[in-house]
Amino acid sequence: MRLDVARRHPAAIERQDLLVELLAGARTEEEIFGQGGLFSQLTKRLVERAMEVELTDHLGYEPHQEPPGGTGNTRNGKGKPKTLVTEHGPVSIRAPRDRDGSFEPKIVRKRQRRFEGRAACLASRPATAQGSQAGAPSPRLTASRRRHTG
């Protein structure tokens, strides 16, 4: 069955294997959803990566490439660390900057501190009970339990 699915959807199998690998070291709910846990680390990386892609779209050229026309607005490192408040605790991110300050990120707007709801969406997609390694709680099931038990 897995081979048949892999022929039709090889990326789905790769994603499932990646999730199993990520969850391999996390056995408890605290290791997955606790402060500094797997979920916090993934949220940080996903948000920072999304902001990098937004900056690339804003500037119109890829990192480490010459800007169109030679000069103009360019990347200018990262801003000071910013702490987002999520359902699973604080997550520190650093937003990319551009030289003329015209970049306005969409996923986390300037001066935004709360990042709720979106993180829950990320948790609800990736794993199922069958996709998790034996003994590791499913992020989907654990997030659901957490919402319903308060």
Foldseek 3Di string as FASTA:
>chain_A
DVVVVCVVCVVLVVLLVVVQVLLVVPQDPCQDQAVVHVLLVVVQVVVQVLLQVLVCVVQVHHPPDAGPPRDDKDKDAWDDWAWAQEPRGIHIYTHTAIDVRPRADDQAGPPRRYDYPVSLVVQLPRDDPVSYDPNHDRSNVVSVCVVVVD
